[in-house]
Amino acid sequence: MNLLVVGGGGREHAIIKKLKENPQVETIYALPGNGGIAADAVCVPEIGAKDIEKIVEFAKAHAIDFAVVAPDDPLALGCVDRLHEAGIPCFGPDAKAARIEASKVFSKNLMKKYGIPTAKYEVFCDAGKALQYLKDSEFPIVIKADGLALGKGVLIPTNYDEAAAAIKSIMEDKAFGDSGNEVVIEEFLTGPEVSVLAFTDGTAIAPMVSSMDHKRAGDGDTGLNTGGMGTIAPNPYYTADVAKRCMDEIFLPTLAAMRQEGCPFKGCLYFGLMITPNGPKVIEYNCRFGDPETQVVLPLLETDLLEIMQAVENETLADVEVRWSADSAACVILASGGYPGSYAKGKAMTFPAAYPDNVTCYHAGDKLDGGTLVTSGGRVLGVTATAPTLAQALADAYAAADTIDFDGKYMRHDIGRRALAVLEEK
């Protein structure tokens, strides 16, 4: 089989490596891919993830048997719709279903209409009315740009002045472009956060192993928010009781709501959850695999990924037994110095001759320059280890991370520390 994966980051590398395990897979094309992915797939750097028509043309010209559309932008732009029109089976939601991430207003209104637990909120398309509302609000408060904003469209002001500046930035200065035409202002929830990705064919659902992301740039959860500096799985806060409540109160009701709205969701549905004193609530939905959650979840998957994805496409997921390892996984992100602010690119990287069997290095932000891998992004690599215990997985991931070098290499040194503390209390 010839496969096509749209995207070019660490998430896509993890998907590609898992798809390669299927013996029927002959060639995987990555559009655009990256320097490290080139070791596992045929990269086509001249076709970007948002070049929908070129992606479809490529798929038809190269007799693609199955496609995976991984990033949010091409999903929201209707890449799956266009591939289906061309007769190419693929994994991912269509544009109508992708609104669950592409529009915060859509997702919040969906939760309100169908009684899915989430933070209280109001929607504004007028900056003046938003400011008036904020004058009587409690702080901290959460302000979200409606549309996609590369994971940066959420601000948490701690007082009115900060909130007013946030509204000006989003709605008047258009810091996130048209994504800021509307904003959602919602209450600030407290509690541990949990990420749960789930395979679904619109009716059946198979949740993946839970995970914990580490968003802040610095140790001790300090510094600016990033796309994620590391992850662990499973998340110790996600107990069996919490999982049952999530299935009954959030997961199944969300799928039913999407069917009722005429946009059934097929693909990977990401539930960003907070375990509040009043039970689990939805912080956000994503319409695709999370990054870097995918880098700790997929290494624990024992069932063939392509089989699952085809079952999602064919709406036969209920017939597949999705099995998971009982091990733990840890991913440490190696970033360019200065990220998520400005950072240098083009730094040559050195790697060990080989990694231990339980370690995988996923490439996120690099490219080939005359045969040498050099940095080309903020988050450059994700070093993942699996082991029977989280403590061992973390030790092995950090040990492997220390064997990789490039000028300005930066990483957090406390990934998983909170999770270990929770496990020690049990």
Protein backbone atom coordinates (compact mmCIF):
# COMPACT_ATOMS: atom_id res chain seq x y z
CA MET A 1 0.00 0.00 0.00
CA ASN A 2 1.03 3.57 -0.66
CA LEU A 3 0.18 6.00 2.15
CA LEU A 4 0.21 9.78 2.39
CA VAL A 5 0.59 11.74 5.63
CA VAL A 6 -0.11 15.47 5.55
CA GLY A 7 2.09 17.46 7.94
CA GLY A 8 5.71 17.83 8.93
CA GLY A 9 6.22 17.80 12.70
CA GLY A 10 6.88 15.47 15.60
CA ARG A 11 3.28 14.29 15.66
CA GLU A 12 3.47 13.29 12.01
CA HIS A 13 6.77 11.50 12.59
CA ALA A 14 5.17 9.45 15.37
CA ILE A 15 2.23 8.57 13.11
CA ILE A 16 4.55 7.59 10.25
CA LYS A 17 6.73 5.38 12.43
CA LYS A 18 3.64 3.57 13.73
CA LEU A 19 2.14 3.13 10.25
CA LYS A 20 5.45 1.65 9.04
CA GLU A 21 4.92 -1.30 11.39
CA ASN A 22 2.21 -2.65 9.07
CA PRO A 23 3.85 -5.15 6.64
CA GLN A 24 1.44 -4.16 3.84
CA VAL A 25 2.81 -0.61 3.77
CA GLU A 26 5.26 -0.09 0.91
CA THR A 27 5.79 3.68 0.65
CA ILE A 28 4.75 6.56 2.88
CA TYR A 29 4.82 10.07 1.44
CA ALA A 30 5.03 13.01 3.87
CA LEU A 31 3.77 16.38 2.64
CA PRO A 32 5.86 18.36 3.44
CA GLY A 33 7.69 16.19 6.02
CA ASN A 34 11.02 17.32 7.48
CA GLY A 35 14.69 16.38 7.57
CA GLY A 36 14.35 13.64 10.18
CA ILE A 37 11.12 12.24 8.75
CA ALA A 38 13.04 11.68 5.50
CA ALA A 39 14.61 8.59 7.11
CA ASP A 40 11.15 6.98 7.39
CA ALA A 41 9.16 8.42 4.49
CA VAL A 42 9.48 10.12 1.11
CA CYS A 43 9.22 13.82 1.93
CA VAL A 44 7.77 16.32 -0.53
CA PRO A 45 8.88 19.66 0.94
CA GLU A 46 7.55 21.71 -1.98
CA ILE A 47 3.93 20.86 -1.06
CA GLY A 48 2.82 22.50 2.18
CA ALA A 49 0.17 21.12 4.54
CA LYS A 50 -2.29 23.86 3.47
CA ASP A 51 -1.78 23.38 -0.29
CA ILE A 52 -5.02 21.40 -0.55
CA GLU A 53 -5.29 21.21 -4.34
CA LYS A 54 -1.64 20.18 -4.72
CA ILE A 55 -2.09 17.51 -2.04
CA VAL A 56 -5.09 16.06 -3.89
CA GLU A 57 -3.25 16.17 -7.24
CA PHE A 58 -0.26 14.41 -5.68
CA ALA A 59 -2.46 11.73 -4.12
CA LYS A 60 -4.13 10.97 -7.44
CA ALA A 61 -0.84 10.98 -9.37
CA HIS A 62 0.86 8.61 -6.93
CA ALA A 63 -1.95 6.08 -6.54
CA ILE A 64 -2.37 6.73 -2.81
CA ASP A 65 -4.35 3.96 -1.14
CA PHE A 66 -4.92 5.78 2.16
CA ALA A 67 -4.20 9.26 3.47
CA VAL A 68 -3.84 10.70 6.98
CA VAL A 69 -4.46 14.42 7.44
CA ALA A 70 -2.83 15.29 10.77
CA PRO A 71 -2.68 19.10 11.35
CA ASP A 72 -5.63 21.34 12.22
CA ASP A 73 -5.34 23.86 9.36
CA PRO A 74 -5.77 21.44 6.43
CA LEU A 75 -8.61 19.70 8.28
CA ALA A 76 -10.42 23.00 8.78
CA LEU A 77 -9.74 23.90 5.14
CA GLY A 78 -11.48 20.73 3.94
CA CYS A 79 -8.53 18.56 2.92
CA VAL A 80 -10.42 15.38 3.87
CA ASP A 81 -13.46 16.54 1.89
CA ARG A 82 -11.34 17.07 -1.22
CA LEU A 83 -9.53 13.74 -0.88
CA HIS A 84 -12.85 11.96 -0.51
CA GLU A 85 -14.17 13.73 -3.61
CA ALA A 86 -11.12 12.35 -5.43
CA GLY A 87 -12.00 8.83 -4.24
CA ILE A 88 -9.12 8.53 -1.77
CA PRO A 89 -9.91 6.99 1.63
CA CYS A 90 -8.45 8.97 4.50
CA PHE A 91 -8.32 9.45 8.25
CA GLY A 92 -9.55 12.72 9.71
CA PRO A 93 -12.73 14.75 10.09
CA ASP A 94 -14.33 16.71 7.28
CA ALA A 95 -14.45 20.50 7.46
CA LYS A 96 -17.87 20.64 9.12
CA ALA A 97 -16.74 18.34 11.93
CA ALA A 98 -13.36 20.08 12.24
CA ARG A 99 -15.25 23.17 13.44
CA ILE A 100 -15.14 21.57 16.89
CA GLU A 101 -11.59 22.94 17.05
CA ALA A 102 -11.60 25.58 14.33
CA SER A 103 -14.33 27.60 16.09
CA LYS A 104 -14.30 28.03 19.87
CA VAL A 105 -17.75 29.60 19.58
CA PHE A 106 -19.11 26.51 17.81
CA SER A 107 -17.63 24.12 20.39
CA LYS A 108 -18.73 26.14 23.43
CA ASN A 109 -22.26 26.53 22.07
CA LEU A 110 -22.34 22.80 21.34
CA MET A 111 -21.41 22.01 24.94
CA LYS A 112 -24.00 24.42 26.32
CA LYS A 113 -26.78 23.09 24.07
CA TYR A 114 -26.14 19.44 24.93
CA GLY A 115 -25.23 19.80 28.60
CA ILE A 116 -21.58 18.77 28.28
CA PRO A 117 -19.67 20.06 31.34
CA THR A 118 -17.42 23.04 30.59
CA ALA A 119 -16.56 26.47 31.97
CA LYS A 120 -19.27 29.17 32.00
CA TYR A 121 -18.74 31.60 29.14
CA GLU A 122 -19.98 34.44 26.95
CA VAL A 123 -19.27 35.20 23.29
CA PHE A 124 -18.47 38.67 21.95
CA CYS A 125 -17.97 40.09 18.44
CA ASP A 126 -17.81 43.68 19.71
CA ALA A 127 -14.74 44.81 21.66
CA GLY A 128 -16.67 47.46 23.58
CA LYS A 129 -19.24 44.98 24.85
CA ALA A 130 -16.45 42.57 25.81
CA LEU A 131 -14.75 45.29 27.86
CA GLN A 132 -18.03 46.19 29.56
CA TYR A 133 -18.53 42.54 30.53
CA LEU A 134 -15.00 42.31 31.91
CA LYS A 135 -15.57 45.25 34.28
CA ASP A 136 -17.86 43.05 36.40
CA SER A 137 -15.87 39.82 36.00
CA GLU A 138 -13.81 37.83 38.48
CA PHE A 139 -10.13 37.30 37.73
CA PRO A 140 -8.18 35.42 36.57
CA ILE A 141 -10.35 34.92 33.49
CA VAL A 142 -9.82 33.13 30.18
CA ILE A 143 -10.04 34.91 26.82
CA LYS A 144 -9.96 32.82 23.64
CA ALA A 145 -9.80 33.87 20.00
CA ASP A 146 -12.56 32.03 18.15
CA GLY A 147 -10.48 30.49 15.36
CA LEU A 148 -7.22 28.61 14.94
CA ALA A 149 -4.20 30.51 16.23
CA LEU A 150 -1.35 27.99 16.30
CA GLY A 151 -2.17 27.15 19.92
CA LYS A 152 -1.50 30.75 20.98
CA GLY A 153 -5.01 32.21 20.93
CA VAL A 154 -5.75 31.69 24.63
CA LEU A 155 -4.87 34.38 27.18
CA ILE A 156 -5.40 34.31 30.96
CA PRO A 157 -5.38 37.88 32.33
CA THR A 158 -5.23 38.31 36.11
CA ASN A 159 -6.81 41.79 36.24
CA TYR A 160 -8.94 44.17 34.18
CA ASP A 161 -6.00 46.06 32.64
CA GLU A 162 -4.47 42.84 31.35
CA ALA A 163 -7.86 41.73 30.06
CA ALA A 164 -8.41 45.03 28.25
CA ALA A 165 -4.99 44.70 26.63
CA ALA A 166 -5.87 41.15 25.56
CA ILE A 167 -9.12 42.27 23.94
CA LYS A 168 -7.29 45.06 22.10
CA SER A 169 -4.60 42.65 20.91
CA ILE A 170 -7.06 39.98 19.68
CA MET A 171 -10.02 42.01 18.40
CA GLU A 172 -8.57 45.37 17.34
CA ASP A 173 -4.90 44.73 16.53
CA LYS A 174 -5.80 41.33 15.01
CA ALA A 175 -2.82 39.56 16.60
CA PHE A 176 -4.32 36.27 15.36
CA GLY A 177 -5.89 37.63 12.17
CA ASP A 178 -9.53 36.83 11.49
CA SER A 179 -9.43 34.23 14.27
CA GLY A 180 -10.01 37.18 16.60
CA ASN A 181 -13.19 38.48 14.99
CA GLU A 182 -15.04 36.84 17.87
CA VAL A 183 -13.81 35.98 21.35
CA VAL A 184 -14.96 33.62 24.06
CA ILE A 185 -14.61 34.89 27.62
CA GLU A 186 -14.94 32.10 30.17
CA GLU A 187 -14.46 31.38 33.84
CA PHE A 188 -11.08 30.22 35.05
CA LEU A 189 -11.24 26.58 36.18
CA THR A 190 -8.84 24.94 38.61
CA GLY A 191 -7.61 21.37 38.89
CA PRO A 192 -5.19 19.00 37.18
CA GLU A 193 -5.30 18.89 33.38
CA VAL A 194 -5.59 15.67 31.41
CA SER A 195 -5.35 15.07 27.66
CA VAL A 196 -7.35 12.16 26.21
CA LEU A 197 -7.14 11.43 22.50
CA ALA A 198 -9.74 9.07 21.09
CA PHE A 199 -10.30 7.16 17.86
CA THR A 200 -13.90 7.49 16.72
CA ASP A 201 -15.90 6.64 13.61
CA GLY A 202 -18.73 8.94 14.61
CA THR A 203 -20.53 6.38 16.78
CA ALA A 204 -18.00 3.98 18.32
CA ILE A 205 -15.16 5.45 20.36
CA ALA A 206 -11.83 4.00 21.55
CA PRO A 207 -10.06 6.36 23.97
CA MET A 208 -6.27 6.24 23.88
CA VAL A 209 -4.01 6.20 26.92
CA SER A 210 -4.33 9.47 28.86
CA SER A 211 -1.43 11.90 28.90
CA MET A 212 -0.10 15.03 30.63
CA ASP A 213 1.40 17.92 28.69
CA HIS A 214 3.84 20.52 30.07
CA LYS A 215 3.06 23.81 28.32
CA ARG A 216 5.28 26.33 30.10
CA ALA A 217 8.78 26.96 28.77
CA GLY A 218 10.57 26.83 32.11
CA ASP A 219 11.09 24.39 34.96
CA GLY A 220 8.45 24.56 37.65
CA ASP A 221 5.82 25.56 35.08
CA THR A 222 7.29 29.04 34.70
CA GLY A 223 7.78 31.22 31.64
CA LEU A 224 5.74 31.58 28.48
CA ASN A 225 3.28 29.05 27.12
CA THR A 226 4.68 26.85 24.34
CA GLY A 227 3.33 24.17 22.05
CA GLY A 228 4.44 21.68 24.70
CA MET A 229 7.83 20.99 26.29
CA GLY A 230 7.19 17.35 27.14
CA THR A 231 4.57 14.74 27.94
CA ILE A 232 4.03 11.61 30.00
CA ALA A 233 1.50 8.79 29.72
CA PRO A 234 -0.60 7.55 31.36
CA ASN A 235 -1.74 10.55 33.42
CA PRO A 236 -2.08 9.50 37.09
CA TYR A 237 -4.94 11.95 37.65
CA TYR A 238 -7.04 10.03 35.12
CA THR A 239 -8.34 7.28 37.37
CA ALA A 240 -10.84 4.56 36.42
CA ASP A 241 -13.63 6.52 38.10
CA VAL A 242 -12.73 9.72 36.22
CA ALA A 243 -12.52 7.76 32.96
CA LYS A 244 -16.04 6.38 33.44
CA ARG A 245 -17.44 9.84 34.16
CA CYS A 246 -15.71 11.22 31.09
CA MET A 247 -17.14 8.47 28.89
CA ASP A 248 -20.68 8.94 30.24
CA GLU A 249 -20.74 12.73 30.63
CA ILE A 250 -18.36 13.98 27.92
CA PHE A 251 -17.15 11.52 25.27
CA LEU A 252 -20.38 9.80 24.21
CA PRO A 253 -22.50 12.97 24.58
CA THR A 254 -20.05 14.87 22.35
CA LEU A 255 -20.30 12.27 19.59
CA ALA A 256 -24.10 12.24 19.90
CA ALA A 257 -24.18 16.05 19.75
CA MET A 258 -22.08 16.11 16.59
CA ARG A 259 -24.34 13.53 14.94
CA GLN A 260 -27.40 15.52 15.99
CA GLU A 261 -25.89 18.67 14.47
CA GLY A 262 -25.40 16.90 11.15
CA CYS A 263 -21.60 16.80 11.35
CA PRO A 264 -20.58 13.40 12.76
CA PHE A 265 -16.94 13.36 13.83
CA LYS A 266 -14.64 10.71 12.32
CA GLY A 267 -10.93 10.66 13.13
CA CYS A 268 -8.98 11.50 16.27
CA LEU A 269 -10.94 13.65 18.72
CA TYR A 270 -8.80 15.27 21.40
CA PHE A 271 -10.40 16.08 24.73
CA GLY A 272 -8.54 18.68 26.79
CA LEU A 273 -9.95 18.10 30.27
CA MET A 274 -9.67 19.62 33.71
CA ILE A 275 -10.50 17.53 36.76
CA THR A 276 -12.23 20.22 38.82
CA PRO A 277 -13.63 19.85 42.36
CA ASN A 278 -17.01 19.46 40.61
CA GLY A 279 -15.84 16.71 38.28
CA PRO A 280 -14.22 16.58 34.82
CA LYS A 281 -14.91 19.47 32.45
CA VAL A 282 -13.89 20.19 28.86
CA ILE A 283 -11.32 22.95 28.44
CA GLU A 284 -11.07 22.45 24.68
CA TYR A 285 -11.57 20.03 21.84
CA ASN A 286 -9.01 19.43 19.11
CA CYS A 287 -9.95 17.78 15.83
CA ARG A 288 -6.69 15.84 15.53
CA PHE A 289 -3.82 14.14 17.35
CA GLY A 290 -2.15 16.40 19.92
CA ASP A 291 1.49 17.38 19.69
CA PRO A 292 3.49 16.25 21.70
CA GLU A 293 0.87 13.93 23.27
CA THR A 294 1.00 11.66 20.21
CA GLN A 295 4.69 11.02 20.87
CA VAL A 296 3.90 9.24 24.17
CA VAL A 297 0.54 7.71 23.27
CA LEU A 298 1.28 5.91 20.00
CA PRO A 299 4.40 4.09 21.32
CA LEU A 300 2.04 2.36 23.79
CA LEU A 301 -0.41 1.24 21.08
CA GLU A 302 -0.30 -2.52 20.44
CA THR A 303 -3.03 -2.78 17.79
CA ASP A 304 -2.00 -1.94 14.22
CA LEU A 305 -2.57 1.78 13.63
CA LEU A 306 -3.49 1.45 9.95
CA GLU A 307 -6.11 -1.18 10.82
CA ILE A 308 -7.68 1.24 13.32
CA MET A 309 -7.60 4.16 10.90
CA GLN A 310 -9.20 2.12 8.14
CA ALA A 311 -11.91 0.99 10.57
CA VAL A 312 -12.59 4.63 11.44
CA GLU A 313 -12.92 5.45 7.74
CA ASN A 314 -15.17 2.44 7.12
CA GLU A 315 -17.19 3.06 10.32
CA THR A 316 -16.36 -0.40 11.70
CA LEU A 317 -14.34 0.68 14.74
CA ALA A 318 -16.61 -1.32 17.07
CA ASP A 319 -15.25 -4.49 15.45
CA VAL A 320 -11.60 -3.69 16.30
CA GLU A 321 -10.01 -4.53 19.65
CA VAL A 322 -7.77 -1.53 20.39
CA ARG A 323 -5.08 -2.77 22.81
CA TRP A 324 -2.56 -0.77 24.85
CA SER A 325 0.67 -1.60 26.65
CA ALA A 326 0.66 -1.36 30.44
CA ASP A 327 4.00 0.48 30.26
CA SER A 328 4.56 4.19 30.79
CA ALA A 329 6.01 6.65 28.29
CA ALA A 330 7.85 9.97 28.62
CA CYS A 331 8.78 12.54 25.96
CA VAL A 332 11.32 15.34 26.48
CA ILE A 333 11.27 18.14 23.93
CA LEU A 334 14.60 19.58 22.80
CA ALA A 335 13.98 23.17 21.72
CA SER A 336 15.97 25.99 20.19
CA GLY A 337 17.28 28.49 22.74
CA GLY A 338 14.87 31.43 22.97
CA TYR A 339 11.75 29.45 22.06
CA PRO A 340 8.85 30.35 22.17
CA GLY A 341 10.29 33.79 21.42
CA SER A 342 12.87 34.43 18.71
CA TYR A 343 15.51 31.78 18.13
CA ALA A 344 18.31 30.98 15.69
CA LYS A 345 17.95 28.33 12.97
CA GLY A 346 20.39 26.27 10.95
CA LYS A 347 22.30 24.78 13.90
CA ALA A 348 23.94 21.45 13.03
CA MET A 349 22.93 18.51 15.23
CA THR A 350 24.87 15.50 16.43
CA PHE A 351 23.25 12.21 17.42
CA PRO A 352 24.40 8.94 19.02
CA ALA A 353 25.18 6.01 16.75
CA ALA A 354 22.11 4.22 18.10
CA TYR A 355 19.41 4.58 20.75
CA PRO A 356 18.38 1.94 23.28
CA ASP A 357 15.53 -0.29 22.08
CA ASN A 358 12.99 1.54 24.25
CA VAL A 359 13.91 5.03 22.99
CA THR A 360 12.71 6.84 19.87
CA CYS A 361 13.71 10.30 18.66
CA TYR A 362 10.90 12.07 16.83
CA HIS A 363 11.92 14.93 14.53
CA ALA A 364 9.78 18.07 14.67
CA GLY A 365 11.70 21.15 13.52
CA ASP A 366 14.71 20.23 11.41
CA LYS A 367 15.76 20.00 7.79
CA LEU A 368 18.53 18.50 5.70
CA ASP A 369 21.23 20.92 4.61
CA GLY A 370 23.68 19.19 2.31
CA GLY A 371 23.12 15.89 4.07
CA THR A 372 23.41 17.38 7.57
CA LEU A 373 20.41 17.72 9.85
CA VAL A 374 20.08 21.31 11.08
CA THR A 375 17.49 23.02 13.25
CA SER A 376 14.63 24.81 11.50
CA GLY A 377 12.02 25.33 14.22
CA GLY A 378 11.39 26.13 17.86
CA ARG A 379 10.60 22.62 19.00
CA VAL A 380 13.27 20.55 17.28
CA LEU A 381 13.14 16.99 18.63
CA GLY A 382 11.03 14.86 20.94
CA VAL A 383 12.94 12.12 22.74
CA THR A 384 10.54 9.40 23.92
CA ALA A 385 11.20 6.37 26.11
CA THR A 386 8.87 3.59 27.23
CA ALA A 387 9.41 1.49 30.35
CA PRO A 388 7.47 -0.51 32.96
CA THR A 389 7.46 2.52 35.27
CA LEU A 390 7.21 6.25 34.65
CA ALA A 391 10.36 6.89 36.68
CA GLN A 392 12.36 4.58 34.40
CA ALA A 393 10.83 6.03 31.24
CA LEU A 394 11.79 9.53 32.36
CA ALA A 395 15.32 8.49 33.30
CA ASP A 396 15.81 6.79 29.93
CA ALA A 397 14.36 9.73 27.95
CA TYR A 398 16.62 12.23 29.70
CA ALA A 399 19.65 9.99 29.32
CA ALA A 400 19.02 9.77 25.57
CA ALA A 401 18.35 13.51 25.32
CA ASP A 402 21.79 14.17 26.80
CA THR A 403 23.42 12.27 23.91
CA ILE A 404 22.02 14.71 21.34
CA ASP A 405 23.62 18.09 20.85
CA PHE A 406 23.16 21.32 18.93
CA ASP A 407 24.06 24.91 19.66
CA GLY A 408 21.43 26.48 21.91
CA LYS A 409 19.74 23.19 22.83
CA TYR A 410 17.16 23.82 25.54
CA MET A 411 14.91 21.49 27.53
CA ARG A 412 12.97 21.40 30.75
CA HIS A 413 14.44 19.19 33.44
CA ASP A 414 11.26 18.48 35.41
CA ILE A 415 9.00 16.74 32.91
CA GLY A 416 6.85 14.23 34.79
CA ARG A 417 7.79 15.48 38.26
CA ARG A 418 4.19 16.24 39.25
CA ALA A 419 3.03 12.89 37.93
CA LEU A 420 5.70 11.06 39.92
CA ALA A 421 4.59 12.89 43.08
CA VAL A 422 1.00 11.76 42.51
CA LEU A 423 2.11 8.16 41.96
CA GLU A 424 4.15 8.23 45.17
CA GLU A 425 1.05 9.33 47.12
CA LYS A 426 -0.97 6.35 45.89
